[in-house]
C-alpha atoms as a PDB file:
ATOM      1  CA  UNK A   1     106.156  82.223  86.749  1.00  0.00           C
ATOM      2  CA  UNK A   2     105.517  84.340  89.823  1.00  0.00           C
ATOM      3  CA  UNK A   3     106.297  88.044  89.906  1.00  0.00           C
ATOM      4  CA  UNK A   4     109.163  87.358  92.294  1.00  0.00           C
ATOM      5  CA  UNK A   5     110.661  84.750  89.953  1.00  0.00           C
ATOM      6  CA  UNK A   6     110.280  87.184  87.091  1.00  0.00           C
ATOM      7  CA  UNK A   7     112.094  89.871  89.042  1.00  0.00           C
ATOM      8  CA  UNK A   8     114.965  87.448  89.718  1.00  0.00           C
ATOM      9  CA  UNK A   9     115.163  86.654  85.991  1.00  0.00           C
ATOM     10  CA  UNK A  10     115.339  90.352  85.192  1.00  0.00           C
ATOM     11  CA  UNK A  11     118.038  90.920  87.808  1.00  0.00           C
ATOM     12  CA  UNK A  12     120.157  88.022  86.546  1.00  0.00           C
ATOM     13  CA  UNK A  13     119.753  89.122  82.933  1.00  0.00           C
ATOM     14  CA  UNK A  14     120.713  92.660  83.879  1.00  0.00           C
ATOM     15  CA  UNK A  15     123.890  91.339  85.538  1.00  0.00           C
ATOM     16  CA  UNK A  16     124.780  89.560  82.288  1.00  0.00           C
ATOM     17  CA  UNK A  17     123.991  92.621  80.143  1.00  0.00           C
ATOM     18  CA  UNK A  18     124.744  95.773  82.178  1.00  0.00           C
ATOM     19  CA  UNK A  19     124.866  98.048  79.120  1.00  0.00           C
ATOM     20  CA  UNK A  20     121.254  97.407  78.087  1.00  0.00           C
ATOM     21  CA  UNK A  21     118.321  99.539  79.177  1.00  0.00           C
ATOM     22  CA  UNK A  22     115.390  98.087  81.104  1.00  0.00           C
ATOM     23  CA  UNK A  23     113.182  97.535  78.050  1.00  0.00           C
ATOM     24  CA  UNK A  24     115.953  95.633  76.262  1.00  0.00           C
ATOM     25  CA  UNK A  25     116.433  93.512  79.389  1.00  0.00           C
ATOM     26  CA  UNK A  26     112.694  92.775  79.450  1.00  0.00           C
ATOM     27  CA  UNK A  27     112.824  91.732  75.789  1.00  0.00           C
ATOM     28  CA  UNK A  28     115.656  89.291  76.528  1.00  0.00           C
ATOM     29  CA  UNK A  29     113.745  87.851  79.480  1.00  0.00           C
ATOM     30  CA  UNK A  30     110.623  87.347  77.356  1.00  0.00           C
ATOM     31  CA  UNK A  31     112.596  85.700  74.538  1.00  0.00           C
ATOM     32  CA  UNK A  32     114.392  83.430  76.986  1.00  0.00           C
ATOM     33  CA  UNK A  33     111.148  82.434  78.719  1.00  0.00           C
ATOM     34  CA  UNK A  34     109.727  80.905  75.543  1.00  0.00           C
ATOM     35  CA  UNK A  35     106.409  80.930  73.696  1.00  0.00           C
ATOM     36  CA  UNK A  36     104.246  79.670  76.566  1.00  0.00           C
ATOM     37  CA  UNK A  37     105.520  82.403  78.862  1.00  0.00           C
ATOM     38  CA  UNK A  38     105.026  85.030  76.142  1.00  0.00           C
ATOM     39  CA  UNK A  39     101.378  84.037  75.954  1.00  0.00           C
ATOM     40  CA  UNK A  40     101.066  84.028  79.756  1.00  0.00           C
ATOM     41  CA  UNK A  41     102.740  87.431  80.163  1.00  0.00           C
ATOM     42  CA  UNK A  42     100.736  88.978  77.332  1.00  0.00           C
ATOM     43  CA  UNK A  43      97.441  87.699  78.711  1.00  0.00           C
ATOM     44  CA  UNK A  44      98.281  89.014  82.192  1.00  0.00           C
ATOM     45  CA  UNK A  45      99.161  92.395  80.747  1.00  0.00           C
ATOM     46  CA  UNK A  46      96.015  92.626  78.655  1.00  0.00           C
ATOM     47  CA  UNK A  47      93.898  91.633  81.667  1.00  0.00           C
ATOM     48  CA  UNK A  48      95.580  94.354  83.724  1.00  0.00           C
ATOM     49  CA  UNK A  49      94.928  96.913  80.988  1.00  0.00           C
ATOM     50  CA  UNK A  50      91.401  95.532  80.397  1.00  0.00           C
ATOM     51  CA  UNK A  51      92.065  95.104  76.707  1.00  0.00           C
ATOM     52  CA  UNK A  52      91.302  92.228  74.399  1.00  0.00           C
ATOM     53  CA  UNK A  53      93.943  92.583  71.702  1.00  0.00           C
ATOM     54  CA  UNK A  54      97.522  93.720  71.281  1.00  0.00           C
ATOM     55  CA  UNK A  55     100.719  92.439  69.664  1.00  0.00           C
ATOM     56  CA  UNK A  56     101.642  89.434  71.820  1.00  0.00           C
ATOM     57  CA  UNK A  57     105.397  90.008  72.203  1.00  0.00           C
ATOM     58  CA  UNK A  58     104.999  93.718  72.964  1.00  0.00           C
ATOM     59  CA  UNK A  59     102.300  92.985  75.535  1.00  0.00           C
ATOM     60  CA  UNK A  60     104.539  90.366  77.167  1.00  0.00           C
ATOM     61  CA  UNK A  61     107.453  92.810  77.382  1.00  0.00           C
ATOM     62  CA  UNK A  62     105.137  95.436  78.867  1.00  0.00           C
ATOM     63  CA  UNK A  63     104.068  92.919  81.525  1.00  0.00           C
ATOM     64  CA  UNK A  64     107.685  92.300  82.513  1.00  0.00           C
ATOM     65  CA  UNK A  65     108.310  96.044  82.743  1.00  0.00           C
ATOM     66  CA  UNK A  66     105.113  96.540  84.762  1.00  0.00           C
ATOM     67  CA  UNK A  67     106.145  93.844  87.260  1.00  0.00           C
ATOM     68  CA  UNK A  68     109.667  95.220  87.641  1.00  0.00           C
ATOM     69  CA  UNK A  69     108.513  98.793  88.112  1.00  0.00           C
ATOM     70  CA  UNK A  70     105.724  97.769  90.511  1.00  0.00           C
ATOM     71  CA  UNK A  71     107.986  95.641  92.692  1.00  0.00           C
ATOM     72  CA  UNK A  72     110.723  98.267  92.567  1.00  0.00           C
ATOM     73  CA  UNK A  73     108.371 100.686  94.311  1.00  0.00           C
ATOM     74  CA  UNK A  74     108.167 104.457  94.049  1.00  0.00           C
ATOM     75  CA  UNK A  75     111.245 106.262  92.799  1.00  0.00           C
ATOM     76  CA  UNK A  76     113.076 108.592  95.149  1.00  0.00           C
END
């Protein structure tokens, strides 16, 4: 999944669940994406952080948050 596709998933999930915060949205996106995507997201996140180990689901959620915040750009 590309970063742009991931951002679309986050946006659509946020539309469906407007009362949730960004981390909860990221968790839903990761759960919905399935086990293969969890592994992919976690490995991308760990590579970005230059780490070898971390809890897989938490690392995957962090990747989603990192992508969203990076593509969102600097806050005003």
